[in-house]
Amino acid sequence: MSLFTRNLTFQSNELGKDVSIMLTFNGAMEGLYEDFFPVVWKVSKFGKTGSYSAKATYTSQLAFSKPQVEDGNIIDAATCVKINNSEKTTLTEANEVYQFSAPKAGTTGVLQAVNSTGAVQDIAVGFMSKGQLMPTPALYFNGVGDGSHVTAKFTPILCAYITSDYQETAILRGAIDTPAIWSRNLAELSPSTTWSLTRDAASGKYTITQV
């Protein structure tokens, strides 16, 4: 599949309650919360009264990175490499400088990163937007042993939650307590879409529908 960009706008009007929407890529994936963990992408606040809007842009160029983690959040990356499906790369270290090798043909349908640094490492899978030096992390693999490899089959299924318990770049170590109110495979959307957040005053239920 060729590279694509998805521009999403979430909006509300007279919502009736102050809420936060959290966006993360935690659709059904084998090994989720066991072998790897999703990372919070966006957190946007929508007010009780008036009109609000929040934008999110996803680009399908994937990348591996060596993340820097602090207090359960990915704060930066030491190095990264762009990668496509069916390619693999190797992470090495020399004189405390880490580097991913140029990707080459790998296993069909997945991304792979081999740890050849001589020590346990953390590795993340994310996506690169135009002009970005480092990728936005989406999935986090911790404790990857020397000689071991990360295998990821990343499908951009974005989920939205009403919750104020998390911040952007936080690593989600377990399933979210509240159910997702919205989920879409971004590959199946139009390049630009607008979504309306509403709240049923009687039930308190939130819904997101396309405008």
N, C-alpha and C. Protein backbone atom coordinates (compact mmCIF):
# COMPACT_ATOMS: atom_id res chain seq x y z
N MET A 1 0.84 -1.19 0.00
CA MET A 1 0.00 0.00 0.00
C MET A 1 0.88 1.24 0.00
N SER A 2 0.54 2.22 -0.82
CA SER A 2 1.31 3.45 -0.87
C SER A 2 1.08 4.27 0.40
N LEU A 3 1.99 5.20 0.68
CA LEU A 3 1.87 6.02 1.87
C LEU A 3 0.64 6.92 1.79
N PHE A 4 0.03 7.16 2.96
CA PHE A 4 -1.15 8.03 2.99
C PHE A 4 -1.13 8.87 4.26
N THR A 5 -1.88 9.95 4.21
CA THR A 5 -2.05 10.85 5.36
C THR A 5 -3.53 10.96 5.68
N ARG A 6 -3.85 10.97 6.96
CA ARG A 6 -5.23 11.13 7.39
C ARG A 6 -5.32 12.33 8.35
N ASN A 7 -6.15 13.28 7.97
CA ASN A 7 -6.40 14.45 8.81
C ASN A 7 -7.77 14.29 9.46
N LEU A 8 -7.79 14.23 10.78
CA LEU A 8 -9.04 14.06 11.51
C LEU A 8 -9.32 15.29 12.36
N THR A 9 -10.57 15.73 12.35
CA THR A 9 -11.02 16.83 13.21
C THR A 9 -12.14 16.32 14.10
N PHE A 10 -11.97 16.49 15.41
CA PHE A 10 -13.01 16.13 16.38
C PHE A 10 -13.58 17.44 16.93
N GLN A 11 -14.90 17.53 16.99
CA GLN A 11 -15.51 18.78 17.43
C GLN A 11 -16.72 18.51 18.33
N SER A 12 -17.07 19.52 19.11
CA SER A 12 -18.25 19.43 19.98
C SER A 12 -18.90 20.80 20.08
N ASN A 13 -20.17 20.81 20.45
CA ASN A 13 -20.90 22.06 20.63
C ASN A 13 -21.91 21.86 21.76
N GLU A 14 -21.77 22.68 22.80
CA GLU A 14 -22.67 22.59 23.96
C GLU A 14 -22.74 21.15 24.47
N LEU A 15 -21.60 20.61 24.81
CA LEU A 15 -21.51 19.20 25.20
C LEU A 15 -22.24 18.89 26.50
N GLY A 16 -22.27 19.84 27.41
CA GLY A 16 -22.98 19.64 28.66
C GLY A 16 -22.11 19.18 29.82
N LYS A 17 -20.84 18.87 29.53
CA LYS A 17 -19.92 18.42 30.57
C LYS A 17 -18.49 18.57 30.06
N ASP A 18 -17.58 18.93 30.96
CA ASP A 18 -16.17 19.00 30.59
C ASP A 18 -15.60 17.59 30.50
N VAL A 19 -14.98 17.25 29.37
CA VAL A 19 -14.43 15.91 29.20
C VAL A 19 -13.09 15.97 28.47
N SER A 20 -12.35 14.88 28.55
CA SER A 20 -11.12 14.71 27.80
C SER A 20 -11.26 13.48 26.91
N ILE A 21 -10.81 13.61 25.66
CA ILE A 21 -10.78 12.47 24.74
C ILE A 21 -9.34 12.01 24.60
N MET A 22 -9.11 10.74 24.78
CA MET A 22 -7.79 10.15 24.59
C MET A 22 -7.79 9.29 23.34
N LEU A 23 -6.80 9.48 22.48
CA LEU A 23 -6.64 8.67 21.27
C LEU A 23 -5.42 7.78 21.39
N THR A 24 -5.58 6.51 21.06
CA THR A 24 -4.46 5.57 21.10
C THR A 24 -4.70 4.44 20.12
N PHE A 25 -3.62 3.84 19.66
CA PHE A 25 -3.71 2.71 18.72
C PHE A 25 -3.68 1.41 19.52
N ASN A 26 -4.83 0.97 19.97
CA ASN A 26 -4.89 -0.26 20.77
C ASN A 26 -6.02 -1.17 20.29
N GLY A 27 -6.22 -1.20 18.97
CA GLY A 27 -7.17 -2.14 18.40
C GLY A 27 -6.71 -3.57 18.63
N ALA A 28 -7.56 -4.52 18.30
CA ALA A 28 -7.26 -5.93 18.55
C ALA A 28 -5.95 -6.36 17.87
N MET A 29 -4.93 -6.63 18.67
CA MET A 29 -3.63 -7.09 18.17
C MET A 29 -3.13 -8.20 19.08
N GLU A 30 -2.65 -9.27 18.50
CA GLU A 30 -2.15 -10.39 19.29
C GLU A 30 -0.92 -9.97 20.09
N GLY A 31 -0.94 -10.22 21.39
CA GLY A 31 0.19 -9.88 22.25
C GLY A 31 0.06 -8.54 22.93
N LEU A 32 -1.04 -7.80 22.67
CA LEU A 32 -1.24 -6.48 23.27
C LEU A 32 -1.30 -6.61 24.79
N TYR A 33 -0.60 -5.72 25.50
CA TYR A 33 -0.47 -5.68 26.95
C TYR A 33 0.31 -6.87 27.51
N GLU A 34 0.89 -7.69 26.65
CA GLU A 34 1.76 -8.78 27.09
C GLU A 34 3.15 -8.62 26.48
N ASP A 35 3.20 -8.64 25.15
CA ASP A 35 4.49 -8.51 24.46
C ASP A 35 4.82 -7.05 24.15
N PHE A 36 3.80 -6.22 24.07
CA PHE A 36 4.01 -4.80 23.77
C PHE A 36 2.84 -4.00 24.32
N PHE A 37 3.03 -2.68 24.37
CA PHE A 37 2.05 -1.81 25.02
C PHE A 37 1.77 -0.59 24.15
N PRO A 38 0.49 -0.18 24.06
CA PRO A 38 0.17 1.01 23.29
C PRO A 38 0.64 2.28 24.01
N VAL A 39 0.83 3.33 23.22
CA VAL A 39 1.26 4.62 23.75
C VAL A 39 0.17 5.65 23.44
N VAL A 40 -0.15 6.49 24.41
CA VAL A 40 -1.17 7.52 24.20
C VAL A 40 -0.69 8.50 23.13
N TRP A 41 -1.53 8.71 22.11
CA TRP A 41 -1.17 9.62 21.04
C TRP A 41 -1.63 11.05 21.33
N LYS A 42 -2.93 11.22 21.54
CA LYS A 42 -3.48 12.56 21.74
C LYS A 42 -4.42 12.57 22.95
N VAL A 43 -4.40 13.68 23.68
CA VAL A 43 -5.40 13.95 24.71
C VAL A 43 -5.93 15.36 24.46
N SER A 44 -7.24 15.48 24.24
CA SER A 44 -7.84 16.77 23.93
C SER A 44 -9.00 17.04 24.88
N LYS A 45 -9.10 18.29 25.35
CA LYS A 45 -10.16 18.67 26.27
C LYS A 45 -11.29 19.37 25.52
N PHE A 46 -12.52 19.00 25.87
CA PHE A 46 -13.71 19.60 25.30
C PHE A 46 -14.56 20.17 26.44
N GLY A 47 -14.95 21.44 26.32
CA GLY A 47 -15.65 22.12 27.40
C GLY A 47 -17.14 21.84 27.47
N LYS A 48 -17.70 22.17 28.62
CA LYS A 48 -19.12 21.94 28.89
C LYS A 48 -20.01 22.79 27.99
N THR A 49 -19.66 24.05 27.80
CA THR A 49 -20.45 24.96 26.96
C THR A 49 -19.58 25.53 25.85
N GLY A 50 -20.23 25.91 24.75
CA GLY A 50 -19.50 26.48 23.63
C GLY A 50 -19.03 25.41 22.65
N SER A 51 -18.27 25.86 21.67
CA SER A 51 -17.77 24.97 20.61
C SER A 51 -16.29 24.69 20.80
N TYR A 52 -15.89 23.45 20.54
CA TYR A 52 -14.49 23.03 20.68
C TYR A 52 -14.09 22.18 19.49
N SER A 53 -12.80 22.19 19.20
CA SER A 53 -12.29 21.41 18.07
C SER A 53 -10.86 20.96 18.37
N ALA A 54 -10.52 19.77 17.91
CA ALA A 54 -9.16 19.24 18.06
C ALA A 54 -8.80 18.48 16.80
N LYS A 55 -7.56 18.63 16.36
CA LYS A 55 -7.12 18.00 15.11
C LYS A 55 -6.04 16.97 15.38
N ALA A 56 -6.00 15.94 14.55
CA ALA A 56 -4.97 14.90 14.63
C ALA A 56 -4.61 14.47 13.21
N THR A 57 -3.32 14.37 12.94
CA THR A 57 -2.86 13.98 11.61
C THR A 57 -1.97 12.74 11.71
N TYR A 58 -2.34 11.72 10.95
CA TYR A 58 -1.58 10.46 10.91
C TYR A 58 -0.98 10.27 9.53
N THR A 59 0.28 9.89 9.49
CA THR A 59 0.96 9.55 8.24
C THR A 59 1.43 8.10 8.32
N SER A 60 1.22 7.33 7.28
CA SER A 60 1.43 5.88 7.34
C SER A 60 2.89 5.44 7.22
N GLN A 61 3.82 6.41 7.16
CA GLN A 61 5.24 6.03 7.15
C GLN A 61 5.64 5.55 8.54
N LEU A 62 5.90 4.24 8.68
CA LEU A 62 6.24 3.68 9.98
C LEU A 62 7.73 3.79 10.25
N ALA A 63 8.09 3.65 11.53
CA ALA A 63 9.50 3.75 11.92
C ALA A 63 9.72 3.02 13.24
N PHE A 64 10.91 2.43 13.37
CA PHE A 64 11.36 1.91 14.66
C PHE A 64 12.20 2.99 15.33
N SER A 65 12.14 3.04 16.66
CA SER A 65 12.98 3.97 17.40
C SER A 65 13.46 3.33 18.69
N LYS A 66 14.54 3.89 19.23
CA LYS A 66 15.01 3.50 20.55
C LYS A 66 14.53 4.58 21.52
N PRO A 67 13.42 4.33 22.21
CA PRO A 67 12.79 5.39 23.00
C PRO A 67 13.52 5.68 24.31
N GLN A 68 13.36 6.90 24.76
CA GLN A 68 13.83 7.31 26.08
C GLN A 68 12.60 7.45 26.97
N VAL A 69 12.57 6.66 28.03
CA VAL A 69 11.39 6.58 28.89
C VAL A 69 11.67 7.19 30.26
N GLU A 70 10.73 8.01 30.72
CA GLU A 70 10.86 8.63 32.03
C GLU A 70 9.50 8.65 32.71
N ASP A 71 9.42 8.06 33.89
CA ASP A 71 8.18 8.01 34.67
C ASP A 71 7.00 7.45 33.86
N GLY A 72 7.27 6.42 33.07
CA GLY A 72 6.20 5.76 32.32
C GLY A 72 5.78 6.48 31.07
N ASN A 73 6.54 7.50 30.66
CA ASN A 73 6.24 8.24 29.45
C ASN A 73 7.43 8.19 28.50
N ILE A 74 7.15 8.12 27.20
CA ILE A 74 8.22 8.22 26.21
C ILE A 74 8.47 9.69 25.96
N ILE A 75 9.63 10.18 26.35
CA ILE A 75 9.90 11.62 26.27
C ILE A 75 10.71 11.98 25.03
N ASP A 76 11.37 11.00 24.42
CA ASP A 76 12.19 11.29 23.25
C ASP A 76 12.64 9.96 22.65
N ALA A 77 13.47 10.04 21.62
CA ALA A 77 14.06 8.84 21.02
C ALA A 77 15.52 9.13 20.72
N ALA A 78 16.38 8.14 20.98
CA ALA A 78 17.81 8.33 20.73
C ALA A 78 18.13 8.24 19.25
N THR A 79 17.42 7.36 18.55
CA THR A 79 17.65 7.18 17.11
C THR A 79 16.44 6.47 16.52
N CYS A 80 16.31 6.51 15.20
CA CYS A 80 15.18 5.86 14.57
C CYS A 80 15.52 5.49 13.13
N VAL A 81 14.65 4.71 12.51
CA VAL A 81 14.80 4.37 11.10
C VAL A 81 13.41 4.17 10.50
N LYS A 82 13.17 4.72 9.33
CA LYS A 82 11.92 4.48 8.63
C LYS A 82 11.89 3.03 8.14
N ILE A 83 10.71 2.42 8.19
CA ILE A 83 10.62 1.02 7.77
C ILE A 83 9.22 0.77 7.19
N ASN A 84 9.15 -0.19 6.29
CA ASN A 84 7.88 -0.55 5.67
C ASN A 84 7.55 -2.00 5.98
N ASN A 85 6.31 -2.39 5.75
CA ASN A 85 5.92 -3.78 5.93
C ASN A 85 6.84 -4.69 5.15
N SER A 86 7.13 -5.87 5.72
CA SER A 86 7.98 -6.90 5.09
C SER A 86 9.45 -6.52 5.08
N GLU A 87 9.85 -5.58 5.95
CA GLU A 87 11.26 -5.21 6.07
C GLU A 87 11.76 -5.44 7.49
N LYS A 88 13.09 -5.55 7.63
CA LYS A 88 13.69 -5.69 8.96
C LYS A 88 14.93 -4.83 9.07
N THR A 89 15.27 -4.49 10.31
CA THR A 89 16.43 -3.67 10.59
C THR A 89 17.12 -4.22 11.84
N THR A 90 18.36 -3.83 12.06
CA THR A 90 19.13 -4.30 13.22
C THR A 90 19.64 -3.11 14.02
N LEU A 91 19.42 -3.14 15.34
CA LEU A 91 19.91 -2.09 16.23
C LEU A 91 21.26 -2.51 16.80
N THR A 92 22.27 -1.66 16.61
CA THR A 92 23.61 -1.92 17.13
C THR A 92 24.07 -0.75 18.00
N GLU A 93 25.17 -0.99 18.73
CA GLU A 93 25.73 0.06 19.59
C GLU A 93 27.25 0.03 19.50
N ALA A 94 27.85 1.20 19.37
CA ALA A 94 29.30 1.34 19.36
C ALA A 94 29.66 2.66 20.02
N ASN A 95 30.48 2.59 21.06
CA ASN A 95 30.89 3.80 21.80
C ASN A 95 29.69 4.60 22.29
N GLU A 96 28.69 3.87 22.80
CA GLU A 96 27.47 4.45 23.36
C GLU A 96 26.63 5.18 22.32
N VAL A 97 26.85 4.91 21.06
CA VAL A 97 26.03 5.47 19.98
C VAL A 97 25.20 4.33 19.38
N TYR A 98 23.89 4.51 19.38
CA TYR A 98 22.99 3.48 18.86
C TYR A 98 22.60 3.81 17.43
N GLN A 99 22.41 2.75 16.63
CA GLN A 99 22.05 2.96 15.23
C GLN A 99 21.27 1.77 14.69
N PHE A 100 20.23 2.07 13.93
CA PHE A 100 19.49 1.04 13.20
C PHE A 100 20.10 0.91 11.81
N SER A 101 20.20 -0.32 11.33
CA SER A 101 20.72 -0.54 9.98
C SER A 101 19.67 -0.17 8.94
N ALA A 102 20.12 0.05 7.71
CA ALA A 102 19.19 0.30 6.62
C ALA A 102 18.28 -0.91 6.46
N PRO A 103 16.97 -0.71 6.36
CA PRO A 103 16.05 -1.84 6.25
C PRO A 103 16.32 -2.69 5.01
N LYS A 104 16.08 -3.99 5.16
CA LYS A 104 16.18 -4.91 4.03
C LYS A 104 15.00 -5.85 4.07
N ALA A 105 14.85 -6.65 3.03
CA ALA A 105 13.71 -7.57 2.94
C ALA A 105 13.66 -8.49 4.15
N GLY A 106 12.43 -8.65 4.70
CA GLY A 106 12.25 -9.51 5.87
C GLY A 106 11.06 -10.44 5.68
N THR A 107 10.32 -10.67 6.75
CA THR A 107 9.16 -11.56 6.71
C THR A 107 7.95 -10.81 6.14
N THR A 108 7.27 -11.44 5.24
CA THR A 108 6.13 -10.81 4.57
C THR A 108 5.05 -10.37 5.55
N GLY A 109 4.64 -9.12 5.45
CA GLY A 109 3.51 -8.62 6.21
C GLY A 109 3.80 -8.08 7.59
N VAL A 110 5.07 -8.14 8.04
CA VAL A 110 5.40 -7.63 9.38
C VAL A 110 6.65 -6.76 9.33
N LEU A 111 6.85 -6.00 10.39
CA LEU A 111 8.07 -5.21 10.58
C LEU A 111 8.92 -5.93 11.62
N GLN A 112 10.22 -5.94 11.44
CA GLN A 112 11.09 -6.60 12.41
C GLN A 112 12.30 -5.72 12.74
N ALA A 113 12.67 -5.74 14.02
CA ALA A 113 13.89 -5.07 14.48
C ALA A 113 14.65 -6.04 15.37
N VAL A 114 15.90 -6.29 15.05
CA VAL A 114 16.75 -7.21 15.80
C VAL A 114 17.65 -6.41 16.74
N ASN A 115 17.72 -6.82 18.00
CA ASN A 115 18.59 -6.18 18.97
C ASN A 115 19.95 -6.87 18.96
N SER A 116 20.97 -6.18 18.44
CA SER A 116 22.33 -6.72 18.43
C SER A 116 23.29 -5.76 19.14
N THR A 117 22.81 -5.21 20.26
CA THR A 117 23.61 -4.23 20.99
C THR A 117 24.46 -4.85 22.10
N GLY A 118 24.18 -6.12 22.43
CA GLY A 118 24.89 -6.75 23.54
C GLY A 118 24.23 -6.53 24.89
N ALA A 119 23.07 -5.86 24.91
CA ALA A 119 22.36 -5.60 26.16
C ALA A 119 20.86 -5.53 25.88
N VAL A 120 20.07 -5.59 26.96
CA VAL A 120 18.62 -5.47 26.84
C VAL A 120 18.26 -4.04 26.42
N GLN A 121 17.30 -3.90 25.51
CA GLN A 121 16.92 -2.58 25.02
C GLN A 121 15.41 -2.44 24.96
N ASP A 122 14.96 -1.18 24.93
CA ASP A 122 13.57 -0.86 24.66
C ASP A 122 13.48 -0.41 23.20
N ILE A 123 12.40 -0.81 22.52
CA ILE A 123 12.20 -0.45 21.12
C ILE A 123 10.74 -0.03 20.94
N ALA A 124 10.51 0.96 20.11
CA ALA A 124 9.15 1.42 19.85
C ALA A 124 8.87 1.42 18.35
N VAL A 125 7.60 1.25 18.01
CA VAL A 125 7.12 1.40 16.64
C VAL A 125 6.23 2.64 16.61
N GLY A 126 6.46 3.48 15.62
CA GLY A 126 5.65 4.68 15.51
C GLY A 126 5.49 5.10 14.07
N PHE A 127 5.08 6.34 13.87
CA PHE A 127 4.89 6.84 12.51
C PHE A 127 5.53 8.21 12.36
N MET A 128 5.98 8.50 11.15
CA MET A 128 6.72 9.72 10.85
C MET A 128 5.84 10.68 10.05
N SER A 129 5.60 11.84 10.58
CA SER A 129 4.91 12.88 9.84
C SER A 129 5.94 13.74 9.11
N LYS A 130 5.50 14.41 8.06
CA LYS A 130 6.39 15.24 7.27
C LYS A 130 7.05 16.29 8.15
N GLY A 131 8.37 16.40 8.05
CA GLY A 131 9.10 17.38 8.83
C GLY A 131 9.54 16.90 10.20
N GLN A 132 9.07 15.72 10.62
CA GLN A 132 9.46 15.18 11.93
C GLN A 132 10.86 14.58 11.87
N LEU A 133 11.65 14.84 12.90
CA LEU A 133 12.97 14.23 13.00
C LEU A 133 12.88 12.85 13.65
N MET A 134 11.97 12.72 14.60
CA MET A 134 11.75 11.45 15.29
C MET A 134 10.27 11.07 15.17
N PRO A 135 9.96 9.77 15.19
CA PRO A 135 8.57 9.34 15.01
C PRO A 135 7.71 9.57 16.25
N THR A 136 6.41 9.62 16.03
CA THR A 136 5.43 9.60 17.11
C THR A 136 5.25 8.15 17.54
N PRO A 137 5.54 7.79 18.79
CA PRO A 137 5.44 6.38 19.21
C PRO A 137 4.01 5.90 19.26
N ALA A 138 3.79 4.65 18.84
CA ALA A 138 2.45 4.06 18.89
C ALA A 138 2.44 2.78 19.73
N LEU A 139 3.48 1.95 19.60
CA LEU A 139 3.60 0.71 20.36
C LEU A 139 4.98 0.64 20.99
N TYR A 140 5.04 0.13 22.22
CA TYR A 140 6.28 0.10 22.99
C TYR A 140 6.62 -1.34 23.39
N PHE A 141 7.83 -1.76 23.07
CA PHE A 141 8.35 -3.08 23.45
C PHE A 141 9.47 -2.85 24.45
N ASN A 142 9.33 -3.38 25.67
CA ASN A 142 10.41 -3.18 26.65
C ASN A 142 11.12 -4.49 26.95
N GLY A 143 12.36 -4.36 27.35
CA GLY A 143 13.14 -5.54 27.74
C GLY A 143 13.43 -6.50 26.61
N VAL A 144 13.75 -5.96 25.44
CA VAL A 144 14.08 -6.83 24.30
C VAL A 144 15.51 -7.32 24.48
N GLY A 145 15.69 -8.63 24.63
CA GLY A 145 17.00 -9.19 24.92
C GLY A 145 17.96 -9.11 23.75
N ASP A 146 19.25 -9.15 24.07
CA ASP A 146 20.26 -9.15 23.01
C ASP A 146 20.10 -10.40 22.14
N GLY A 147 20.08 -10.21 20.85
CA GLY A 147 19.87 -11.32 19.93
C GLY A 147 18.40 -11.61 19.66
N SER A 148 17.51 -10.97 20.43
CA SER A 148 16.08 -11.15 20.22
C SER A 148 15.58 -10.13 19.19
N HIS A 149 14.36 -10.33 18.73
CA HIS A 149 13.83 -9.40 17.75
C HIS A 149 12.39 -9.02 18.09
N VAL A 150 12.01 -7.83 17.66
CA VAL A 150 10.65 -7.33 17.76
C VAL A 150 9.96 -7.58 16.44
N THR A 151 8.79 -8.18 16.48
CA THR A 151 7.99 -8.38 15.28
C THR A 151 6.66 -7.68 15.47
N ALA A 152 6.36 -6.75 14.60
CA ALA A 152 5.13 -5.97 14.72
C ALA A 152 4.31 -6.06 13.44
N LYS A 153 3.03 -6.27 13.62
CA LYS A 153 2.09 -6.21 12.51
C LYS A 153 1.15 -5.07 12.84
N PHE A 154 1.51 -3.89 12.37
CA PHE A 154 0.80 -2.68 12.79
C PHE A 154 -0.32 -2.32 11.82
N THR A 155 -1.53 -2.31 12.35
CA THR A 155 -2.70 -1.84 11.61
C THR A 155 -3.18 -0.57 12.31
N PRO A 156 -3.34 0.54 11.59
CA PRO A 156 -3.66 1.81 12.25
C PRO A 156 -5.11 1.92 12.71
N ILE A 157 -5.48 1.06 13.68
CA ILE A 157 -6.82 1.12 14.25
C ILE A 157 -6.78 2.08 15.44
N LEU A 158 -7.37 3.25 15.23
CA LEU A 158 -7.35 4.30 16.25
C LEU A 158 -8.61 4.21 17.10
N CYS A 159 -8.43 4.28 18.42
CA CYS A 159 -9.55 4.20 19.35
C CYS A 159 -9.62 5.48 20.18
N ALA A 160 -10.85 5.89 20.51
CA ALA A 160 -11.07 7.08 21.32
C ALA A 160 -11.76 6.70 22.62
N TYR A 161 -11.30 7.31 23.72
CA TYR A 161 -11.84 7.04 25.05
C TYR A 161 -12.16 8.36 25.75
N ILE A 162 -13.21 8.35 26.55
CA ILE A 162 -13.49 9.47 27.43
C ILE A 162 -12.81 9.17 28.76
N THR A 163 -11.68 9.81 29.01
CA THR A 163 -10.93 9.58 30.24
C THR A 163 -9.94 10.71 30.46
N SER A 164 -9.71 11.05 31.70
CA SER A 164 -8.73 12.07 32.05
C SER A 164 -7.57 11.47 32.83
N ASP A 165 -7.45 10.14 32.79
CA ASP A 165 -6.46 9.44 33.60
C ASP A 165 -5.08 9.35 32.96
N TYR A 166 -4.95 9.79 31.71
CA TYR A 166 -3.69 9.58 31.00
C TYR A 166 -3.23 10.87 30.33
N GLN A 167 -1.94 10.93 30.05
CA GLN A 167 -1.39 12.06 29.32
C GLN A 167 -0.71 11.57 28.06
N GLU A 168 -0.48 12.48 27.13
CA GLU A 168 0.14 12.13 25.87
C GLU A 168 1.52 11.51 26.09
N THR A 169 1.86 10.52 25.30
CA THR A 169 3.11 9.73 25.31
C THR A 169 3.19 8.76 26.49
N ALA A 170 2.12 8.64 27.29
CA ALA A 170 2.11 7.66 28.39
C ALA A 170 2.02 6.24 27.83
N ILE A 171 2.77 5.33 28.42
CA ILE A 171 2.73 3.92 28.04
C ILE A 171 1.60 3.25 28.80
N LEU A 172 0.66 2.64 28.09
CA LEU A 172 -0.49 1.98 28.71
C LEU A 172 -0.11 0.55 29.08
N ARG A 173 0.07 0.30 30.35
CA ARG A 173 0.54 -1.01 30.80
C ARG A 173 -0.58 -2.04 30.93
N GLY A 174 -1.82 -1.58 30.88
CA GLY A 174 -2.95 -2.51 30.97
C GLY A 174 -4.15 -1.94 30.25
N ALA A 175 -5.17 -2.78 30.09
CA ALA A 175 -6.37 -2.36 29.38
C ALA A 175 -7.02 -1.17 30.09
N ILE A 176 -7.61 -0.28 29.32
CA ILE A 176 -8.27 0.91 29.84
C ILE A 176 -9.60 0.51 30.48
N ASP A 177 -9.89 1.11 31.63
CA ASP A 177 -11.08 0.71 32.40
C ASP A 177 -12.38 1.00 31.66
N THR A 178 -12.44 2.11 30.95
CA THR A 178 -13.67 2.47 30.25
C THR A 178 -13.62 1.96 28.81
N PRO A 179 -14.77 1.59 28.24
CA PRO A 179 -14.78 1.11 26.85
C PRO A 179 -14.54 2.24 25.87
N ALA A 180 -14.00 1.89 24.71
CA ALA A 180 -13.80 2.87 23.66
C ALA A 180 -15.16 3.34 23.14
N ILE A 181 -15.27 4.64 22.85
CA ILE A 181 -16.53 5.15 22.29
C ILE A 181 -16.46 5.25 20.77
N TRP A 182 -15.28 5.00 20.22
CA TRP A 182 -15.10 5.14 18.76
C TRP A 182 -13.85 4.37 18.36
N SER A 183 -13.89 3.72 17.21
CA SER A 183 -12.74 2.98 16.70
C SER A 183 -12.82 2.92 15.18
N ARG A 184 -11.72 3.26 14.50
CA ARG A 184 -11.69 3.21 13.05
C ARG A 184 -10.29 2.79 12.56
N ASN A 185 -10.28 2.04 11.45
CA ASN A 185 -9.04 1.76 10.75
C ASN A 185 -8.75 2.96 9.86
N LEU A 186 -7.70 3.70 10.16
CA LEU A 186 -7.43 4.94 9.43
C LEU A 186 -7.18 4.69 7.95
N ALA A 187 -6.71 3.51 7.60
CA ALA A 187 -6.45 3.21 6.19
C ALA A 187 -7.74 3.22 5.37
N GLU A 188 -8.87 3.04 6.04
CA GLU A 188 -10.15 2.95 5.35
C GLU A 188 -10.89 4.28 5.28
N LEU A 189 -10.32 5.34 5.89
CA LEU A 189 -10.98 6.64 5.90
C LEU A 189 -10.55 7.50 4.71
N SER A 190 -11.32 8.54 4.46
CA SER A 190 -10.94 9.53 3.46
C SER A 190 -9.76 10.35 4.00
N PRO A 191 -9.03 11.05 3.12
CA PRO A 191 -7.88 11.83 3.57
C PRO A 191 -8.20 12.82 4.68
N SER A 192 -9.39 13.45 4.64
CA SER A 192 -9.80 14.38 5.69
C SER A 192 -11.22 14.07 6.12
N THR A 193 -11.42 13.92 7.43
CA THR A 193 -12.75 13.64 7.97
C THR A 193 -12.99 14.49 9.22
N THR A 194 -14.27 14.79 9.47
CA THR A 194 -14.67 15.55 10.65
C THR A 194 -15.65 14.71 11.45
N TRP A 195 -15.44 14.71 12.78
CA TRP A 195 -16.23 13.85 13.67
C TRP A 195 -16.82 14.69 14.79
N SER A 196 -18.08 14.45 15.09
CA SER A 196 -18.79 15.22 16.11
C SER A 196 -18.95 14.40 17.39
N LEU A 197 -18.50 14.98 18.50
CA LEU A 197 -18.67 14.36 19.82
C LEU A 197 -19.94 14.91 20.46
N THR A 198 -20.84 14.00 20.83
CA THR A 198 -22.08 14.41 21.49
C THR A 198 -22.29 13.60 22.76
N ARG A 199 -23.16 14.13 23.62
CA ARG A 199 -23.46 13.45 24.89
C ARG A 199 -24.96 13.44 25.09
N ASP A 200 -25.49 12.26 25.38
CA ASP A 200 -26.91 12.12 25.69
C ASP A 200 -27.13 12.52 27.15
N ALA A 201 -27.88 13.59 27.37
CA ALA A 201 -28.05 14.12 28.72
C ALA A 201 -28.72 13.12 29.65
N ALA A 202 -29.64 12.33 29.13
CA ALA A 202 -30.38 11.39 29.98
C ALA A 202 -29.52 10.22 30.44
N SER A 203 -28.77 9.63 29.50
CA SER A 203 -27.98 8.45 29.82
C SER A 203 -26.52 8.77 30.16
N GLY A 204 -26.05 9.95 29.75
CA GLY A 204 -24.65 10.30 29.95
C GLY A 204 -23.73 9.64 28.96
N LYS A 205 -24.30 8.98 27.93
CA LYS A 205 -23.51 8.25 26.96
C LYS A 205 -22.93 9.21 25.90
N TYR A 206 -21.66 8.97 25.56
CA TYR A 206 -20.98 9.76 24.54
C TYR A 206 -20.92 8.99 23.21
N THR A 207 -21.07 9.71 22.13
CA THR A 207 -20.93 9.10 20.82
C THR A 207 -20.11 10.02 19.92
N ILE A 208 -19.42 9.42 18.95
CA ILE A 208 -18.68 10.18 17.94
C ILE A 208 -19.19 9.74 16.58
N THR A 209 -19.73 10.67 15.82
CA THR A 209 -20.26 10.35 14.50
C THR A 209 -19.65 11.27 13.46
N GLN A 210 -19.56 10.76 12.24
CA GLN A 210 -18.96 11.56 11.17
C GLN A 210 -19.92 12.64 10.71
N VAL A 211 -19.38 13.81 10.47
CA VAL A 211 -20.18 14.95 10.02
C VAL A 211 -20.31 14.90 8.51
